[in-house]
């Protein structure tokens, strides 16, 4: 999920992460190694499942 502007994101452990970047990518698939941020792992997961990506 892409967020635009300033946000505070709470991870699964309840820790808050502040971002002031113009655009931030948050992990929604649960596979990222840098949660709560997206590292692109969803692309590999989709390919393993045989799905096409539209991203």
N, C-alpha and C. Protein backbone atom coordinates (compact mmCIF):
# COMPACT_ATOMS: atom_id res chain seq x y z
N UNK A 1 0.85 -1.16 0.00
CA UNK A 1 0.00 0.00 0.00
C UNK A 1 0.90 1.22 0.00
N UNK A 2 0.58 2.18 -0.85
CA UNK A 2 1.33 3.42 -0.91
C UNK A 2 0.63 4.49 -0.09
N UNK A 3 1.41 5.17 0.74
CA UNK A 3 0.91 6.29 1.52
C UNK A 3 1.60 7.56 1.06
N UNK A 4 0.85 8.60 0.96
CA UNK A 4 1.43 9.89 0.56
C UNK A 4 1.38 10.84 1.73
N UNK A 5 2.50 11.52 1.98
CA UNK A 5 2.56 12.50 3.05
C UNK A 5 3.04 11.91 4.37
N UNK A 6 2.86 12.67 5.44
CA UNK A 6 3.30 12.27 6.78
C UNK A 6 2.32 11.29 7.40
N UNK A 7 2.86 10.21 7.98
CA UNK A 7 2.03 9.20 8.64
C UNK A 7 2.78 8.59 9.82
N UNK A 8 2.04 8.03 10.74
CA UNK A 8 2.60 7.19 11.79
C UNK A 8 1.99 5.81 11.60
N UNK A 9 2.85 4.81 11.42
CA UNK A 9 2.43 3.43 11.17
C UNK A 9 2.74 2.62 12.42
N UNK A 10 1.80 1.80 12.86
CA UNK A 10 2.03 0.91 14.01
C UNK A 10 2.22 -0.50 13.47
N UNK A 11 3.33 -1.13 13.86
CA UNK A 11 3.61 -2.49 13.39
C UNK A 11 2.90 -3.52 14.27
N UNK A 12 3.10 -4.80 13.98
CA UNK A 12 2.41 -5.88 14.68
C UNK A 12 2.75 -5.93 16.17
N UNK A 13 3.92 -5.45 16.55
CA UNK A 13 4.33 -5.43 17.95
C UNK A 13 3.85 -4.17 18.68
N UNK A 14 3.22 -3.26 17.96
CA UNK A 14 2.72 -2.03 18.56
C UNK A 14 3.69 -0.87 18.50
N UNK A 15 4.85 -1.07 17.88
CA UNK A 15 5.83 0.01 17.73
C UNK A 15 5.37 0.99 16.66
N UNK A 16 5.57 2.27 16.92
CA UNK A 16 5.17 3.29 15.95
C UNK A 16 6.36 3.71 15.11
N UNK A 17 6.12 3.85 13.81
CA UNK A 17 7.14 4.25 12.85
C UNK A 17 6.62 5.50 12.14
N UNK A 18 7.37 6.57 12.25
CA UNK A 18 6.95 7.83 11.64
C UNK A 18 7.61 7.99 10.27
N UNK A 19 6.85 8.45 9.31
CA UNK A 19 7.40 8.71 7.99
C UNK A 19 7.01 10.12 7.55
N UNK A 20 7.95 10.80 6.97
CA UNK A 20 7.72 12.14 6.43
C UNK A 20 8.08 12.18 4.94
N UNK A 21 8.21 11.01 4.35
CA UNK A 21 8.55 10.93 2.93
C UNK A 21 7.34 11.31 2.08
N UNK A 22 7.59 11.77 0.87
CA UNK A 22 6.45 12.09 -0.01
C UNK A 22 5.58 10.86 -0.29
N UNK A 23 6.22 9.68 -0.47
CA UNK A 23 5.49 8.43 -0.70
C UNK A 23 6.21 7.32 0.07
N UNK A 24 5.45 6.53 0.82
CA UNK A 24 5.99 5.39 1.57
C UNK A 24 5.19 4.15 1.19
N UNK A 25 5.88 3.01 1.08
CA UNK A 25 5.23 1.75 0.75
C UNK A 25 5.16 0.88 2.00
N UNK A 26 3.96 0.48 2.39
CA UNK A 26 3.73 -0.34 3.57
C UNK A 26 3.42 -1.77 3.12
N UNK A 27 4.01 -2.75 3.80
CA UNK A 27 3.78 -4.16 3.47
C UNK A 27 2.36 -4.57 3.81
N UNK A 28 1.69 -5.18 2.86
CA UNK A 28 0.34 -5.71 3.08
C UNK A 28 0.31 -7.24 2.94
N UNK A 29 1.38 -7.84 2.37
CA UNK A 29 1.39 -9.28 2.14
C UNK A 29 1.92 -10.05 3.34
N UNK A 30 2.65 -9.38 4.23
CA UNK A 30 3.22 -10.04 5.39
C UNK A 30 4.56 -10.70 5.16
N UNK A 31 5.09 -10.61 3.94
CA UNK A 31 6.33 -11.29 3.61
C UNK A 31 7.58 -10.43 3.65
N UNK A 32 7.45 -9.14 3.85
CA UNK A 32 8.59 -8.23 3.81
C UNK A 32 9.57 -8.52 4.93
N UNK A 33 10.86 -8.38 4.63
CA UNK A 33 11.90 -8.54 5.65
C UNK A 33 12.12 -7.24 6.42
N UNK A 34 11.50 -6.16 5.98
CA UNK A 34 11.69 -4.85 6.63
C UNK A 34 10.35 -4.27 7.09
N UNK A 35 9.46 -5.13 7.59
CA UNK A 35 8.14 -4.68 8.03
C UNK A 35 8.26 -3.54 9.02
N UNK A 36 7.43 -2.58 8.98
CA UNK A 36 6.17 -2.51 8.26
C UNK A 36 6.32 -2.03 6.81
N UNK A 37 7.54 -1.81 6.36
CA UNK A 37 7.75 -1.28 5.01
C UNK A 37 7.82 -2.40 3.97
N UNK A 38 7.42 -2.10 2.77
CA UNK A 38 7.43 -3.06 1.67
C UNK A 38 8.84 -3.18 1.10
N UNK A 39 9.28 -4.41 0.83
CA UNK A 39 10.57 -4.64 0.17
C UNK A 39 10.40 -5.32 -1.18
N UNK A 40 9.16 -5.42 -1.66
CA UNK A 40 8.88 -6.03 -2.96
C UNK A 40 8.68 -7.53 -2.93
N UNK A 41 8.69 -8.15 -1.78
CA UNK A 41 8.53 -9.60 -1.65
C UNK A 41 7.24 -10.09 -2.29
N UNK A 42 6.19 -9.27 -2.28
CA UNK A 42 4.91 -9.69 -2.85
C UNK A 42 5.04 -10.12 -4.31
N UNK A 43 6.00 -9.54 -5.02
CA UNK A 43 6.20 -9.92 -6.42
C UNK A 43 6.67 -11.36 -6.53
N UNK A 44 7.60 -11.78 -5.66
CA UNK A 44 8.10 -13.15 -5.68
C UNK A 44 7.02 -14.13 -5.23
N UNK A 45 6.22 -13.73 -4.25
CA UNK A 45 5.13 -14.59 -3.77
C UNK A 45 4.12 -14.83 -4.89
N UNK A 46 3.76 -13.78 -5.60
CA UNK A 46 2.80 -13.91 -6.70
C UNK A 46 3.34 -14.81 -7.81
N UNK A 47 4.62 -14.68 -8.13
CA UNK A 47 5.21 -15.50 -9.19
C UNK A 47 5.24 -16.97 -8.79
N UNK A 48 5.53 -17.26 -7.51
CA UNK A 48 5.54 -18.65 -7.04
C UNK A 48 4.15 -19.26 -7.13
N UNK A 49 3.13 -18.45 -6.94
CA UNK A 49 1.77 -18.95 -7.01
C UNK A 49 1.26 -19.01 -8.45
N UNK A 50 2.07 -18.51 -9.39
CA UNK A 50 1.69 -18.55 -10.78
C UNK A 50 0.74 -17.43 -11.18
N UNK A 51 0.69 -16.37 -10.38
CA UNK A 51 -0.18 -15.24 -10.69
C UNK A 51 0.61 -14.19 -11.47
N UNK A 52 -0.11 -13.45 -12.27
CA UNK A 52 0.51 -12.34 -12.98
C UNK A 52 0.45 -11.10 -12.11
N UNK A 53 1.48 -10.30 -12.18
CA UNK A 53 1.47 -9.04 -11.43
C UNK A 53 1.11 -7.91 -12.37
N UNK A 54 0.35 -6.99 -11.86
CA UNK A 54 0.00 -5.83 -12.66
C UNK A 54 0.78 -4.61 -12.19
N UNK A 55 1.74 -4.83 -11.31
CA UNK A 55 2.51 -3.71 -10.74
C UNK A 55 3.72 -3.44 -11.54
